[in-house]
Amino acid sequence: MVSNKTLNRINELSKKSKEVGLTPDEKVEQDKLRKEYLADFRSRMLDELTSLKIVDEKGNDVTPAKLKVEKAIRKRNLH
């Protein structure tokens, strides 16, 4: 999970970018931090989605096969 320190730095760089601009080093840092944040977000979102089970009104499991396969793959990789 991305730390509060990282999020604060992303916000600082964004604010500075809008106000006065960034140096080339700061642009590289900003890009690196954004990529780190997005990778973490995508990973957590995929974890959330693969933990879902979809059930119809009758109580039947109607989870799409693709989701079941992804869930099995992720479960295998955790053990």
Protein backbone atom coordinates (compact mmCIF):
# COMPACT_ATOMS: atom_id res chain seq x y z
CA MET A 1 0.00 0.00 0.00
CA VAL A 2 1.23 3.46 -0.86
CA SER A 3 2.22 5.40 2.26
CA ASN A 4 0.79 8.74 3.35
CA LYS A 5 4.26 10.20 2.83
CA THR A 6 4.16 9.16 -0.84
CA LEU A 7 0.63 10.54 -1.31
CA ASN A 8 1.64 13.83 0.29
CA ARG A 9 4.65 14.08 -2.01
CA ILE A 10 2.47 13.38 -5.08
CA ASN A 11 0.13 16.17 -3.97
CA GLU A 12 3.01 18.57 -3.29
CA LEU A 13 4.47 17.98 -6.75
CA SER A 14 1.06 18.38 -8.37
CA LYS A 15 0.47 21.68 -6.59
CA LYS A 16 3.94 22.95 -7.44
CA SER A 17 3.46 21.89 -11.07
CA LYS A 18 0.32 24.02 -11.31
CA GLU A 19 1.82 27.02 -9.52
CA VAL A 20 5.41 27.40 -10.70
CA GLY A 21 6.36 24.29 -12.67
CA LEU A 22 8.66 21.40 -11.93
CA THR A 23 12.34 20.83 -12.52
CA PRO A 24 13.27 17.88 -14.76
CA ASP A 25 14.23 15.84 -11.67
CA GLU A 26 10.90 16.60 -10.02
CA LYS A 27 9.03 15.55 -13.18
CA VAL A 28 10.84 12.21 -13.13
CA GLU A 29 10.04 11.80 -9.42
CA GLN A 30 6.40 12.71 -10.03
CA ASP A 31 6.11 10.17 -12.84
CA LYS A 32 7.71 7.45 -10.70
CA LEU A 33 5.41 8.16 -7.76
CA ARG A 34 2.31 8.22 -9.95
CA LYS A 35 3.23 4.89 -11.52
CA GLU A 36 3.80 3.39 -8.06
CA TYR A 37 0.41 4.71 -6.90
CA LEU A 38 -1.42 3.38 -9.98
CA ALA A 39 0.21 -0.06 -9.70
CA ASP A 40 -0.87 -0.27 -6.06
CA PHE A 41 -4.40 0.90 -6.91
CA ARG A 42 -4.78 -1.62 -9.74
CA SER A 43 -3.50 -4.44 -7.56
CA ARG A 44 -5.93 -3.63 -4.75
CA MET A 45 -8.82 -3.24 -7.20
CA LEU A 46 -8.06 -6.62 -8.78
CA ASP A 47 -7.93 -8.20 -5.32
CA GLU A 48 -11.33 -6.69 -4.57
CA LEU A 49 -12.88 -7.84 -7.85
CA THR A 50 -11.54 -11.38 -7.61
CA SER A 51 -13.03 -11.74 -4.14
CA LEU A 52 -16.57 -11.17 -5.48
CA LYS A 53 -19.16 -13.87 -5.91
CA ILE A 54 -22.18 -12.98 -8.02
CA VAL A 55 -25.47 -14.62 -7.08
CA ASP A 56 -28.82 -14.35 -8.87
CA GLU A 57 -32.22 -13.93 -7.19
CA LYS A 58 -32.58 -17.70 -6.77
CA GLY A 59 -29.23 -18.01 -4.98
CA ASN A 60 -27.37 -19.57 -7.92
CA ASP A 61 -23.73 -18.66 -8.39
CA VAL A 62 -23.54 -16.76 -11.70
CA THR A 63 -20.00 -15.49 -11.35
CA PRO A 64 -18.45 -15.17 -14.84
CA ALA A 65 -16.01 -17.95 -15.72
CA LYS A 66 -13.26 -15.43 -16.43
CA LEU A 67 -13.54 -14.09 -12.89
CA LYS A 68 -13.48 -17.60 -11.43
CA VAL A 69 -10.32 -18.42 -13.40
CA GLU A 70 -8.60 -15.21 -12.26
CA LYS A 71 -9.58 -15.94 -8.66
CA ALA A 72 -8.10 -19.47 -8.91
CA ILE A 73 -4.87 -18.13 -10.42
CA ARG A 74 -4.47 -15.49 -7.73
CA LYS A 75 -5.24 -18.01 -4.99
CA ARG A 76 -2.61 -20.38 -6.39
CA ASN A 77 -0.02 -17.58 -6.48
CA LEU A 78 -0.63 -16.70 -2.84
CA HIS A 79 0.20 -20.20 -1.59
